[in-house]
């Protein structure tokens, strides 16, 4: 800590007190001396008096803040100098103290500002690490599908930066389509960290992992006492992502009851926490992803068509790994480099046979499967070369339909038809099970059994 105070007794007392509190403190009596010590020590906190023999504390605050946004600055003013303190805070000071200075107040303020500084440093580190791991340049590959995907990402982020360089205006929702394990979250991160909202939060949530009873609370938050067990207020993911991007992965798994509330949040830019009586505005960029045939689910009534139309304002499709050719080898090499560092291995490389096997494998699990295969090989390989046996590639069942597969396909089609008929009857009767059963020509108990089998709930259609 640096104390710039021209009253020797007060300066020494402040230094002694802070030293006894466990801080390392230095004292200067002039503006020039304070500036020299600041450049030498690079302190975490500067306490500066306004009236100094060779200048003002306000000028020192302005000089430091012009190049340093991390050091905490506190203006020490004479009694009644609140107006000066406000001016100092506009110039970059974090807080102020009035004379006569209370040493106990000084200790509390120093502790609070340093704790805030540690939190800011942690957040800055985490944000920098996230940014380094994200961005369109982190998407490995030069196959036609990937080049087109990168082009769309760059075009979209450039257009958003031009329209709102500070990220105040949220861009349109983006729907990312692709099979499981293709890297849809990496695309979402590129849209955020290459765009104008890169300095703000990126919150990712897997909708499939949210318990159905807690979806609304997790997304929108809840007030204290909103339901049994809600012993304190909780901020939802929407509010946590304020000013940044909310990435909703597996959006197709979101229950119908919450889909309408999500649509309202996107369109009206407001959320209402569970148990609250008023809406709260939110400024969020929405990015969603799904590996499901979401248009088919919408046609069957399992996903709201109006939400689908709102989400797919802009779409980005991530091609499966089996369609990316030589990209497979480039991605595998990237993983090998990562695992060499993690497991302390010397330079590993794939044999020609292993490279051929990687290109021939259909990769039903896409990049996630490739990563697991390469990690196991990097860890367990006894040599510097990874061969076919080290890859431990599993045989994938033939895609040719067998008799059993044909029967299974017909059964699946029959189940889909039954589900669609039940959904249609429930929608037509606004969730009235008795009327829906009558319309279908079956008993009420039979319909209830079929609804339970298909995991359908009447309240979703009332």
Foldseek 3Di string as FASTA:
>chain_A
DEEAAQPVVLQVVLCVLVVVVVDHYDYHDALVVRVVCCVVVVDQEYEYEADGPVHGPLVSLLVCVVPDLQRAYEYEYEPPVVVVQVVSVVSPHPYYHYPPGDSVVVVVVVVVSVVVSVVVVVVVVVLVVLLVCAALVNDFADFPQSVVLSVVLVVQQVVQCVVPVQLQAADAAEEEEEAAQLCSVRSVRNSFCSHNLSVFDEAEDEQQPDDLVCPLCQAQWAADPLDPPSNHTDHHPQVNRASGEYEYEQVLNRFLVCLVQVLCCNPVQWHAHRPGDDIDHGRYHYYYYHHDPNVVCCVLVSHPPVSVVRNPPDYRYRYFQLSRAPSQVVLLVVLLVVLCVVVVNDAAEEDPQLSVVSNPDNPSNGNVLSSVLSNQLSNPPPDRYRYNVSSPDDDDDDPDADPVNVVVVVVVVVLSVVSSLLSVLLLVVQLDLCSSCVVVVHHSVVSVVSCVVVVHHSNSRD
